[in-house]
Structures are given as structure tokens and as C-alpha cells.
C-alpha atoms as a PDB file:
ATOM      1  CA  MET A   1     164.401 113.857 165.344  1.00  0.00           C
ATOM      2  CA  THR A   2     164.976 115.502 161.947  1.00  0.00           C
ATOM      3  CA  ALA A   3     163.883 119.000 161.046  1.00  0.00           C
ATOM      4  CA  THR A   4     161.946 119.793 157.901  1.00  0.00           C
ATOM      5  CA  THR A   5     162.984 122.928 156.028  1.00  0.00           C
ATOM      6  CA  GLY A   6     160.062 123.090 153.612  1.00  0.00           C
ATOM      7  CA  THR A   7     162.390 123.413 150.628  1.00  0.00           C
ATOM      8  CA  ILE A   8     161.321 121.514 147.518  1.00  0.00           C
ATOM      9  CA  GLU A   9     164.062 120.534 145.126  1.00  0.00           C
ATOM     10  CA  ALA A  10     163.203 121.045 141.453  1.00  0.00           C
ATOM     11  CA  PRO A  11     163.485 117.873 139.398  1.00  0.00           C
ATOM     12  CA  THR A  12     166.473 117.822 137.087  1.00  0.00           C
ATOM     13  CA  THR A  13     164.498 116.763 134.022  1.00  0.00           C
ATOM     14  CA  LEU A  14     161.129 118.036 132.875  1.00  0.00           C
ATOM     15  CA  THR A  15     158.557 115.305 132.248  1.00  0.00           C
ATOM     16  CA  ALA A  16     155.350 115.026 130.232  1.00  0.00           C
ATOM     17  CA  LEU A  17     153.487 115.988 133.420  1.00  0.00           C
ATOM     18  CA  ASP A  18     155.191 119.416 133.515  1.00  0.00           C
ATOM     19  CA  ARG A  19     152.937 121.919 131.742  1.00  0.00           C
ATOM     20  CA  CYS A  20     153.473 125.423 130.348  1.00  0.00           C
ATOM     21  CA  ASP A  21     152.235 128.135 132.714  1.00  0.00           C
ATOM     22  CA  ARG A  22     150.892 130.121 129.744  1.00  0.00           C
ATOM     23  CA  CYS A  23     149.037 127.555 127.627  1.00  0.00           C
ATOM     24  CA  GLY A  24     149.164 124.132 129.296  1.00  0.00           C
ATOM     25  CA  ALA A  25     151.279 122.440 126.587  1.00  0.00           C
ATOM     26  CA  GLN A  26     154.199 120.232 127.621  1.00  0.00           C
ATOM     27  CA  ALA A  27     156.933 122.304 129.241  1.00  0.00           C
ATOM     28  CA  TYR A  28     160.469 122.144 127.918  1.00  0.00           C
ATOM     29  CA  ILE A  29     161.839 125.261 129.659  1.00  0.00           C
ATOM     30  CA  ARG A  30     162.093 125.975 133.395  1.00  0.00           C
ATOM     31  CA  ALA A  31     162.953 129.491 134.547  1.00  0.00           C
ATOM     32  CA  VAL A  32     164.060 129.589 138.191  1.00  0.00           C
ATOM     33  CA  LEU A  33     163.612 133.171 139.334  1.00  0.00           C
ATOM     34  CA  THR A  34     166.164 135.001 141.484  1.00  0.00           C
ATOM     35  CA  SER A  35     163.259 136.254 143.609  1.00  0.00           C
ATOM     36  CA  GLY A  36     162.161 132.662 144.272  1.00  0.00           C
ATOM     37  CA  GLY A  37     159.874 130.223 142.522  1.00  0.00           C
ATOM     38  CA  ALA A  38     159.978 128.809 139.036  1.00  0.00           C
ATOM     39  CA  LEU A  39     158.004 129.155 135.825  1.00  0.00           C
ATOM     40  CA  LEU A  40     157.514 126.469 133.194  1.00  0.00           C
ATOM     41  CA  PHE A  41     157.099 127.156 129.474  1.00  0.00           C
ATOM     42  CA  CYS A  42     156.554 125.269 126.262  1.00  0.00           C
ATOM     43  CA  ASN A  43     159.194 125.974 123.631  1.00  0.00           C
ATOM     44  CA  HIS A  44     157.022 128.607 121.905  1.00  0.00           C
ATOM     45  CA  HIS A  45     156.268 130.655 125.027  1.00  0.00           C
ATOM     46  CA  GLY A  46     159.759 130.157 126.439  1.00  0.00           C
ATOM     47  CA  ARG A  47     161.271 131.761 123.330  1.00  0.00           C
ATOM     48  CA  ASP A  48     158.648 134.520 123.511  1.00  0.00           C
ATOM     49  CA  VAL A  49     159.471 135.568 127.106  1.00  0.00           C
ATOM     50  CA  GLU A  50     163.201 134.704 127.171  1.00  0.00           C
ATOM     51  CA  PRO A  51     164.616 138.147 126.252  1.00  0.00           C
ATOM     52  CA  LYS A  52     162.734 139.890 129.049  1.00  0.00           C
ATOM     53  CA  LEU A  53     162.637 137.118 131.657  1.00  0.00           C
ATOM     54  CA  ARG A  54     166.108 135.572 131.437  1.00  0.00           C
ATOM     55  CA  PRO A  55     167.932 138.473 133.189  1.00  0.00           C
ATOM     56  CA  MET A  56     165.656 137.841 136.205  1.00  0.00           C
ATOM     57  CA  THR A  57     166.504 134.136 136.466  1.00  0.00           C
ATOM     58  CA  ALA A  58     168.986 132.262 138.600  1.00  0.00           C
ATOM     59  CA  GLU A  59     168.719 129.272 136.279  1.00  0.00           C
ATOM     60  CA  TRP A  60     167.340 128.777 132.774  1.00  0.00           C
ATOM     61  CA  VAL A  61     166.824 125.079 131.961  1.00  0.00           C
ATOM     62  CA  ASP A  62     166.149 124.496 128.265  1.00  0.00           C
ATOM     63  CA  GLU A  63     165.305 120.917 127.278  1.00  0.00           C
ATOM     64  CA  SER A  64     163.784 121.811 123.897  1.00  0.00           C
ATOM     65  CA  ASP A  65     166.395 119.637 122.181  1.00  0.00           C
ATOM     66  CA  ARG A  66     164.213 116.667 123.245  1.00  0.00           C
ATOM     67  CA  ILE A  67     161.434 117.782 120.875  1.00  0.00           C
ATOM     68  CA  SER A  68     161.324 115.382 117.952  1.00  0.00           C
END
């Protein structure tokens, strides 16, 4: 019998289904917080919150280079 830990792995690439937590636009930035959890942002809101939020993150995934 296998045990379930309840941990959900974050996908490595953001998709069109991932939406900004501030405005609902497509997310291109994922901020994984050191306190747990993750926030998703469109490029605009990611740049807006980055200076204040980034020091509180364990991982900052920026895929905005995919914007054409």
C-alpha cells in the first residue's frame, strides 16, 4: 500500500489555463512563496509586485519571453 503525502507538484511550464491572480489574464510569472503556496501573475502585474514580493519567494519563474 502506498501513502499519499498531499503534496502537489507545480507544473514546470505555465499554460494558457494559468491565470493571473490579480486580473485573470494569462499568467507568465509564478512566485513560489517561502511560506508556502504560489501566486500567478500576468507580465504587467508580475513586474508591478516583483520588487516587494521577490524577496519573499523561494522560486520566481518568469516565462514572459514567450509573449509574442
